[in-house]
Amino acid sequence: MDSVSANAGSGKMPAPWVPDHGSVRPLAAEDLERVAALFLTKFRRRRLLDHAVAQTADYMRKLYLDGGENKALVQINPQGGLG
């Protein structure tokens, strides 16, 4: 029996098992600068200037963490870093 079937009656959904790509967890405030840096380099093609990272992290804090339920997720690679 797989882990999903084994836990089906418990009312809880098990975390997805993704061995090649790491795992996923809720976004935390301490993740914001790294997430901002990834965003800027992958989607905006900006150089990683300190003020750009700080401004983007502040925007992401307001968007994802301030004033409500946090449903944002981050991917954790197999080495334990943000992916």
PDB file of N, CA and C in Angstrom:
ATOM      1  N   MET A   1       0.848  -1.177   0.000  1.00  0.00           N
ATOM      2  CA  MET A   1       0.000   0.000   0.000  1.00  0.00           C
ATOM      3  C   MET A   1       0.891   1.237   0.000  1.00  0.00           C
ATOM      4  N   ASP A   2       0.607   2.202  -0.868  1.00  0.00           N
ATOM      5  CA  ASP A   2       1.427   3.410  -0.909  1.00  0.00           C
ATOM      6  C   ASP A   2       1.057   4.352   0.228  1.00  0.00           C
ATOM      7  N   SER A   3       1.887   5.384   0.434  1.00  0.00           N
ATOM      8  CA  SER A   3       1.688   6.278   1.577  1.00  0.00           C
ATOM      9  C   SER A   3       0.399   7.073   1.487  1.00  0.00           C
ATOM     10  N   VAL A   4      -0.049   7.394   0.282  1.00  0.00           N
ATOM     11  CA  VAL A   4      -1.298   8.139   0.146  1.00  0.00           C
ATOM     12  C   VAL A   4      -2.467   7.263   0.561  1.00  0.00           C
ATOM     13  N   SER A   5      -2.505   5.999   0.098  1.00  0.00           N
ATOM     14  CA  SER A   5      -3.583   5.091   0.468  1.00  0.00           C
ATOM     15  C   SER A   5      -3.567   4.790   1.954  1.00  0.00           C
ATOM     16  N   ALA A   6      -2.386   4.626   2.519  1.00  0.00           N
ATOM     17  CA  ALA A   6      -2.262   4.310   3.938  1.00  0.00           C
ATOM     18  C   ALA A   6      -2.784   5.439   4.806  1.00  0.00           C
ATOM     19  N   ASN A   7      -2.674   6.671   4.345  1.00  0.00           N
ATOM     20  CA  ASN A   7      -3.095   7.830   5.126  1.00  0.00           C
ATOM     21  C   ASN A   7      -4.459   8.372   4.717  1.00  0.00           C
ATOM     22  N   ALA A   8      -5.107   7.725   3.783  1.00  0.00           N
ATOM     23  CA  ALA A   8      -6.349   8.265   3.234  1.00  0.00           C
ATOM     24  C   ALA A   8      -7.427   8.450   4.287  1.00  0.00           C
ATOM     25  N   GLY A   9      -7.495   7.577   5.267  1.00  0.00           N
ATOM     26  CA  GLY A   9      -8.527   7.682   6.275  1.00  0.00           C
ATOM     27  C   GLY A   9      -8.206   8.648   7.395  1.00  0.00           C
ATOM     28  N   SER A  10      -7.008   9.161   7.446  1.00  0.00           N
ATOM     29  CA  SER A  10      -6.607  10.010   8.562  1.00  0.00           C
ATOM     30  C   SER A  10      -7.116  11.442   8.448  1.00  0.00           C
ATOM     31  N   GLY A  11      -7.615  11.836   7.281  1.00  0.00           N
ATOM     32  CA  GLY A  11      -8.063  13.204   7.093  1.00  0.00           C
ATOM     33  C   GLY A  11      -6.939  14.167   6.791  1.00  0.00           C
ATOM     34  N   LYS A  12      -5.724  13.683   6.727  1.00  0.00           N
ATOM     35  CA  LYS A  12      -4.563  14.519   6.429  1.00  0.00           C
ATOM     36  C   LYS A  12      -4.003  14.130   5.072  1.00  0.00           C
ATOM     37  N   MET A  13      -3.519  15.125   4.364  1.00  0.00           N
ATOM     38  CA  MET A  13      -2.897  14.856   3.079  1.00  0.00           C
ATOM     39  C   MET A  13      -1.388  14.833   3.270  1.00  0.00           C
ATOM     40  N   PRO A  14      -0.720  13.745   2.894  1.00  0.00           N
ATOM     41  CA  PRO A  14       0.734  13.691   3.066  1.00  0.00           C
ATOM     42  C   PRO A  14       1.438  14.647   2.117  1.00  0.00           C
ATOM     43  N   ALA A  15       2.608  15.095   2.521  1.00  0.00           N
ATOM     44  CA  ALA A  15       3.420  15.961   1.669  1.00  0.00           C
ATOM     45  C   ALA A  15       3.857  15.185   0.440  1.00  0.00           C
ATOM     46  N   PRO A  16       3.947  15.850  -0.708  1.00  0.00           N
ATOM     47  CA  PRO A  16       4.384  15.147  -1.913  1.00  0.00           C
ATOM     48  C   PRO A  16       5.826  14.691  -1.788  1.00  0.00           C
ATOM     49  N   TRP A  17       6.086  13.524  -2.318  1.00  0.00           N
ATOM     50  CA  TRP A  17       7.439  12.973  -2.296  1.00  0.00           C
ATOM     51  C   TRP A  17       8.084  13.274  -3.634  1.00  0.00           C
ATOM     52  N   VAL A  18       9.130  14.085  -3.643  1.00  0.00           N
ATOM     53  CA  VAL A  18       9.792  14.498  -4.870  1.00  0.00           C
ATOM     54  C   VAL A  18      11.293  14.336  -4.676  1.00  0.00           C
ATOM     55  N   PRO A  19      11.815  13.115  -4.762  1.00  0.00           N
ATOM     56  CA  PRO A  19      13.222  12.885  -4.423  1.00  0.00           C
ATOM     57  C   PRO A  19      14.216  13.578  -5.337  1.00  0.00           C
ATOM     58  N   ASP A  20      13.908  13.715  -6.616  1.00  0.00           N
ATOM     59  CA  ASP A  20      14.857  14.313  -7.551  1.00  0.00           C
ATOM     60  C   ASP A  20      14.871  15.835  -7.492  1.00  0.00           C
ATOM     61  N   HIS A  21      13.819  16.413  -6.983  1.00  0.00           N
ATOM     62  CA  HIS A  21      13.699  17.870  -6.990  1.00  0.00           C
ATOM     63  C   HIS A  21      13.604  18.477  -5.600  1.00  0.00           C
ATOM     64  N   GLY A  22      13.718  17.685  -4.567  1.00  0.00           N
ATOM     65  CA  GLY A  22      13.620  18.207  -3.211  1.00  0.00           C
ATOM     66  C   GLY A  22      12.199  18.166  -2.710  1.00  0.00           C
ATOM     67  N   SER A  23      11.781  19.211  -2.021  1.00  0.00           N
ATOM     68  CA  SER A  23      10.449  19.263  -1.432  1.00  0.00           C
ATOM     69  C   SER A  23       9.915  20.687  -1.516  1.00  0.00           C
ATOM     70  N   VAL A  24       8.724  20.884  -1.006  1.00  0.00           N
ATOM     71  CA  VAL A  24       8.075  22.191  -1.013  1.00  0.00           C
ATOM     72  C   VAL A  24       7.610  22.479   0.405  1.00  0.00           C
ATOM     73  N   ARG A  25       7.754  23.739   0.826  1.00  0.00           N
ATOM     74  CA  ARG A  25       7.289  24.150   2.152  1.00  0.00           C
ATOM     75  C   ARG A  25       6.774  25.579   2.067  1.00  0.00           C
ATOM     76  N   PRO A  26       6.053  26.023   3.095  1.00  0.00           N
ATOM     77  CA  PRO A  26       5.556  27.406   3.093  1.00  0.00           C
ATOM     78  C   PRO A  26       6.706  28.420   3.101  1.00  0.00           C
ATOM     79  N   LEU A  27       6.471  29.520   2.435  1.00  0.00           N
ATOM     80  CA  LEU A  27       7.416  30.632   2.406  1.00  0.00           C
ATOM     81  C   LEU A  27       7.565  31.219   3.799  1.00  0.00           C
ATOM     82  N   ALA A  28       8.798  31.512   4.204  1.00  0.00           N
ATOM     83  CA  ALA A  28       9.075  32.152   5.491  1.00  0.00           C
ATOM     84  C   ALA A  28       9.773  33.483   5.238  1.00  0.00           C
ATOM     85  N   ALA A  29       9.688  34.380   6.192  1.00  0.00           N
ATOM     86  CA  ALA A  29      10.290  35.709   6.046  1.00  0.00           C
ATOM     87  C   ALA A  29      11.778  35.622   5.732  1.00  0.00           C
ATOM     88  N   GLU A  30      12.474  34.665   6.326  1.00  0.00           N
ATOM     89  CA  GLU A  30      13.914  34.549   6.081  1.00  0.00           C
ATOM     90  C   GLU A  30      14.247  34.060   4.667  1.00  0.00           C
ATOM     91  N   ASP A  31      13.248  33.630   3.900  1.00  0.00           N
ATOM     92  CA  ASP A  31      13.450  33.195   2.517  1.00  0.00           C
ATOM     93  C   ASP A  31      13.427  34.352   1.525  1.00  0.00           C
ATOM     94  N   LEU A  32      12.900  35.497   1.927  1.00  0.00           N
ATOM     95  CA  LEU A  32      12.551  36.545   0.971  1.00  0.00           C
ATOM     96  C   LEU A  32      13.724  37.075   0.156  1.00  0.00           C
ATOM     97  N   GLU A  33      14.867  37.314   0.762  1.00  0.00           N
ATOM     98  CA  GLU A  33      15.987  37.854  -0.016  1.00  0.00           C
ATOM     99  C   GLU A  33      16.453  36.856  -1.070  1.00  0.00           C
ATOM    100  N   ARG A  34      16.511  35.579  -0.725  1.00  0.00           N
ATOM    101  CA  ARG A  34      16.927  34.556  -1.694  1.00  0.00           C
ATOM    102  C   ARG A  34      15.886  34.403  -2.801  1.00  0.00           C
ATOM    103  N   VAL A  35      14.608  34.418  -2.434  1.00  0.00           N
ATOM    104  CA  VAL A  35      13.541  34.331  -3.434  1.00  0.00           C
ATOM    105  C   VAL A  35      13.584  35.550  -4.351  1.00  0.00           C
ATOM    106  N   ALA A  36      13.798  36.728  -3.784  1.00  0.00           N
ATOM    107  CA  ALA A  36      13.896  37.948  -4.590  1.00  0.00           C
ATOM    108  C   ALA A  36      15.073  37.872  -5.558  1.00  0.00           C
ATOM    109  N   ALA A  37      16.217  37.385  -5.090  1.00  0.00           N
ATOM    110  CA  ALA A  37      17.389  37.255  -5.960  1.00  0.00           C
ATOM    111  C   ALA A  37      17.120  36.266  -7.091  1.00  0.00           C
ATOM    112  N   LEU A  38      16.484  35.135  -6.785  1.00  0.00           N
ATOM    113  CA  LEU A  38      16.129  34.170  -7.832  1.00  0.00           C
ATOM    114  C   LEU A  38      15.175  34.793  -8.843  1.00  0.00           C
ATOM    115  N   PHE A  39      14.177  35.505  -8.348  1.00  0.00           N
ATOM    116  CA  PHE A  39      13.207  36.154  -9.222  1.00  0.00           C
ATOM    117  C   PHE A  39      13.884  37.138 -10.164  1.00  0.00           C
ATOM    118  N   LEU A  40      14.739  37.983  -9.613  1.00  0.00           N
ATOM    119  CA  LEU A  40      15.398  39.004 -10.435  1.00  0.00           C
ATOM    120  C   LEU A  40      16.300  38.390 -11.495  1.00  0.00           C
ATOM    121  N   THR A  41      17.037  37.348 -11.149  1.00  0.00           N
ATOM    122  CA  THR A  41      17.958  36.759 -12.128  1.00  0.00           C
ATOM    123  C   THR A  41      17.238  35.912 -13.166  1.00  0.00           C
ATOM    124  N   LYS A  42      16.159  35.253 -12.794  1.00  0.00           N
ATOM    125  CA  LYS A  42      15.471  34.354 -13.727  1.00  0.00           C
ATOM    126  C   LYS A  42      14.392  35.031 -14.556  1.00  0.00           C
ATOM    127  N   PHE A  43      13.703  36.006 -13.976  1.00  0.00           N
ATOM    128  CA  PHE A  43      12.553  36.578 -14.667  1.00  0.00           C
ATOM    129  C   PHE A  43      12.719  38.032 -15.083  1.00  0.00           C
ATOM    130  N   ARG A  44      13.643  38.743 -14.497  1.00  0.00           N
ATOM    131  CA  ARG A  44      13.798  40.159 -14.821  1.00  0.00           C
ATOM    132  C   ARG A  44      15.145  40.490 -15.449  1.00  0.00           C
ATOM    133  N   ARG A  45      16.044  39.557 -15.480  1.00  0.00           N
ATOM    134  CA  ARG A  45      17.377  39.745 -16.080  1.00  0.00           C
ATOM    135  C   ARG A  45      18.100  40.963 -15.523  1.00  0.00           C
ATOM    136  N   ARG A  46      17.884  41.220 -14.257  1.00  0.00           N
ATOM    137  CA  ARG A  46      18.565  42.344 -13.614  1.00  0.00           C
ATOM    138  C   ARG A  46      19.802  41.852 -12.894  1.00  0.00           C
ATOM    139  N   ARG A  47      20.744  42.741 -12.806  1.00  0.00           N
ATOM    140  CA  ARG A  47      21.906  42.433 -11.972  1.00  0.00           C
ATOM    141  C   ARG A  47      21.459  42.420 -10.524  1.00  0.00           C
ATOM    142  N   LEU A  48      22.174  41.670  -9.726  1.00  0.00           N
ATOM    143  CA  LEU A  48      21.790  41.534  -8.325  1.00  0.00           C
ATOM    144  C   LEU A  48      22.332  42.680  -7.483  1.00  0.00           C
ATOM    145  N   LEU A  49      21.847  43.863  -7.747  1.00  0.00           N
ATOM    146  CA  LEU A  49      22.203  45.008  -6.930  1.00  0.00           C
ATOM    147  C   LEU A  49      21.492  44.881  -5.593  1.00  0.00           C
ATOM    148  N   ASP A  50      22.192  45.237  -4.532  1.00  0.00           N
ATOM    149  CA  ASP A  50      21.622  45.085  -3.193  1.00  0.00           C
ATOM    150  C   ASP A  50      20.275  45.783  -3.052  1.00  0.00           C
ATOM    151  N   HIS A  51      20.159  46.996  -3.606  1.00  0.00           N
ATOM    152  CA  HIS A  51      18.895  47.715  -3.452  1.00  0.00           C
ATOM    153  C   HIS A  51      17.769  47.049  -4.234  1.00  0.00           C
ATOM    154  N   ALA A  52      18.076  46.448  -5.379  1.00  0.00           N
ATOM    155  CA  ALA A  52      17.041  45.758  -6.155  1.00  0.00           C
ATOM    156  C   ALA A  52      16.536  44.527  -5.403  1.00  0.00           C
ATOM    157  N   VAL A  53      17.451  43.773  -4.802  1.00  0.00           N
ATOM    158  CA  VAL A  53      17.056  42.600  -4.022  1.00  0.00           C
ATOM    159  C   VAL A  53      16.235  43.028  -2.812  1.00  0.00           C
ATOM    160  N   ALA A  54      16.690  44.057  -2.114  1.00  0.00           N
ATOM    161  CA  ALA A  54      15.977  44.530  -0.922  1.00  0.00           C
ATOM    162  C   ALA A  54      14.582  45.045  -1.275  1.00  0.00           C
ATOM    163  N   GLN A  55      14.466  45.809  -2.362  1.00  0.00           N
ATOM    164  CA  GLN A  55      13.162  46.339  -2.767  1.00  0.00           C
ATOM    165  C   GLN A  55      12.216  45.214  -3.179  1.00  0.00           C
ATOM    166  N   THR A  56      12.734  44.252  -3.917  1.00  0.00           N
ATOM    167  CA  THR A  56      11.908  43.128  -4.351  1.00  0.00           C
ATOM    168  C   THR A  56      11.493  42.271  -3.162  1.00  0.00           C
ATOM    169  N   ALA A  57      12.413  42.027  -2.228  1.00  0.00           N
ATOM    170  CA  ALA A  57      12.087  41.256  -1.024  1.00  0.00           C
ATOM    171  C   ALA A  57      11.014  41.971  -0.204  1.00  0.00           C
ATOM    172  N   ASP A  58      11.107  43.294  -0.095  1.00  0.00           N
ATOM    173  CA  ASP A  58      10.107  44.061   0.646  1.00  0.00           C
ATOM    174  C   ASP A  58       8.741  43.962  -0.030  1.00  0.00           C
ATOM    175  N   TYR A  59       8.724  44.060  -1.351  1.00  0.00           N
ATOM    176  CA  TYR A  59       7.471  43.917  -2.096  1.00  0.00           C
ATOM    177  C   TYR A  59       6.874  42.526  -1.879  1.00  0.00           C
ATOM    178  N   MET A  60       7.723  41.495  -1.947  1.00  0.00           N
ATOM    179  CA  MET A  60       7.252  40.122  -1.751  1.00  0.00           C
ATOM    180  C   MET A  60       6.740  39.902  -0.329  1.00  0.00           C
ATOM    181  N   ARG A  61       7.368  40.537   0.648  1.00  0.00           N
ATOM    182  CA  ARG A  61       6.892  40.439   2.038  1.00  0.00           C
ATOM    183  C   ARG A  61       5.468  40.994   2.130  1.00  0.00           C
ATOM    184  N   LYS A  62       5.242  42.167   1.528  1.00  0.00           N
ATOM    185  CA  LYS A  62       3.910  42.775   1.558  1.00  0.00           C
ATOM    186  C   LYS A  62       2.895  41.915   0.811  1.00  0.00           C
ATOM    187  N   LEU A  63       3.301  41.379  -0.313  1.00  0.00           N
ATOM    188  CA  LEU A  63       2.413  40.591  -1.156  1.00  0.00           C
ATOM    189  C   LEU A  63       2.063  39.242  -0.531  1.00  0.00           C
ATOM    190  N   TYR A  64       3.061  38.548   0.001  1.00  0.00           N
ATOM    191  CA  TYR A  64       2.862  37.167   0.438  1.00  0.00           C
ATOM    192  C   TYR A  64       2.724  36.964   1.941  1.00  0.00           C
ATOM    193  N   LEU A  65       3.319  37.806   2.762  1.00  0.00           N
ATOM    194  CA  LEU A  65       3.358  37.521   4.195  1.00  0.00           C
ATOM    195  C   LEU A  65       2.553  38.469   5.065  1.00  0.00           C
ATOM    196  N   ASP A  66       2.388  39.704   4.636  1.00  0.00           N
ATOM    197  CA  ASP A  66       1.687  40.681   5.475  1.00  0.00           C
ATOM    198  C   ASP A  66       0.180  40.626   5.251  1.00  0.00           C
ATOM    199  N   GLY A  67      -0.552  40.713   6.329  1.00  0.00           N
ATOM    200  CA  GLY A  67      -1.983  40.921   6.256  1.00  0.00           C
ATOM    201  C   GLY A  67      -2.851  39.794   5.757  1.00  0.00           C
ATOM    202  N   GLY A  68      -2.553  38.592   6.116  1.00  0.00           N
ATOM    203  CA  GLY A  68      -3.449  37.520   5.718  1.00  0.00           C
ATOM    204  C   GLY A  68      -2.797  36.161   5.732  1.00  0.00           C
ATOM    205  N   GLU A  69      -3.574  35.210   5.266  1.00  0.00           N
ATOM    206  CA  GLU A  69      -3.107  33.832   5.231  1.00  0.00           C
ATOM    207  C   GLU A  69      -2.019  33.667   4.174  1.00  0.00           C
ATOM    208  N   ASN A  70      -0.940  33.008   4.543  1.00  0.00           N
ATOM    209  CA  ASN A  70       0.177  32.783   3.634  1.00  0.00           C
ATOM    210  C   ASN A  70       0.002  31.446   2.930  1.00  0.00           C
ATOM    211  N   LYS A  71      -0.231  31.493   1.614  1.00  0.00           N
ATOM    212  CA  LYS A  71      -0.334  30.268   0.828  1.00  0.00           C
ATOM    213  C   LYS A  71       0.852  30.114  -0.118  1.00  0.00           C
ATOM    214  N   ALA A  72       1.829  31.008  -0.007  1.00  0.00           N
ATOM    215  CA  ALA A  72       3.004  30.951  -0.873  1.00  0.00           C
ATOM    216  C   ALA A  72       3.896  29.787  -0.452  1.00  0.00           C
ATOM    217  N   LEU A  73       4.505  29.128  -1.437  1.00  0.00           N
ATOM    218  CA  LEU A  73       5.381  27.986  -1.199  1.00  0.00           C
ATOM    219  C   LEU A  73       6.747  28.239  -1.812  1.00  0.00           C
ATOM    220  N   VAL A  74       7.765  27.596  -1.255  1.00  0.00           N
ATOM    221  CA  VAL A  74       9.097  27.618  -1.842  1.00  0.00           C
ATOM    222  C   VAL A  74       9.553  26.184  -2.051  1.00  0.00           C
ATOM    223  N   GLN A  75      10.365  25.987  -3.089  1.00  0.00           N
ATOM    224  CA  GLN A  75      10.924  24.670  -3.351  1.00  0.00           C
ATOM    225  C   GLN A  75      12.270  24.565  -2.664  1.00  0.00           C
ATOM    226  N   ILE A  76      12.499  23.460  -1.984  1.00  0.00           N
ATOM    227  CA  ILE A  76      13.764  23.178  -1.325  1.00  0.00           C
ATOM    228  C   ILE A  76      14.449  22.084  -2.123  1.00  0.00           C
ATOM    229  N   ASN A  77      15.665  22.355  -2.596  1.00  0.00           N
ATOM    230  CA  ASN A  77      16.370  21.362  -3.403  1.00  0.00           C
ATOM    231  C   ASN A  77      16.905  20.243  -2.516  1.00  0.00           C
ATOM    232  N   PRO A  78      17.384  19.146  -3.109  1.00  0.00           N
ATOM    233  CA  PRO A  78      17.875  18.021  -2.308  1.00  0.00           C
ATOM    234  C   PRO A  78      19.013  18.385  -1.355  1.00  0.00           C
ATOM    235  N   GLN A  79      19.730  19.471  -1.635  1.00  0.00           N
ATOM    236  CA  GLN A  79      20.818  19.905  -0.759  1.00  0.00           C
ATOM    237  C   GLN A  79      20.315  20.768   0.399  1.00  0.00           C
ATOM    238  N   GLY A  80      19.035  21.107   0.404  1.00  0.00           N
ATOM    239  CA  GLY A  80      18.456  21.884   1.489  1.00  0.00           C
ATOM    240  C   GLY A  80      18.334  23.369   1.219  1.00  0.00           C
ATOM    241  N   GLY A  81      18.788  23.840   0.062  1.00  0.00           N
ATOM    242  CA  GLY A  81      18.688  25.256  -0.277  1.00  0.00           C
ATOM    243  C   GLY A  81      17.430  25.545  -1.073  1.00  0.00           C
ATOM    244  N   LEU A  82      17.119  26.823  -1.208  1.00  0.00           N
ATOM    245  CA  LEU A  82      15.977  27.204  -2.034  1.00  0.00           C
ATOM    246  C   LEU A  82      16.298  26.916  -3.484  1.00  0.00           C
ATOM    247  N   GLY A  83      15.339  26.355  -4.178  1.00  0.00           N
ATOM    248  CA  GLY A  83      15.550  25.970  -5.566  1.00  0.00           C
ATOM    249  C   GLY A  83      14.989  26.955  -6.496  1.00  0.00           C
TER     250      GLY A  83
END
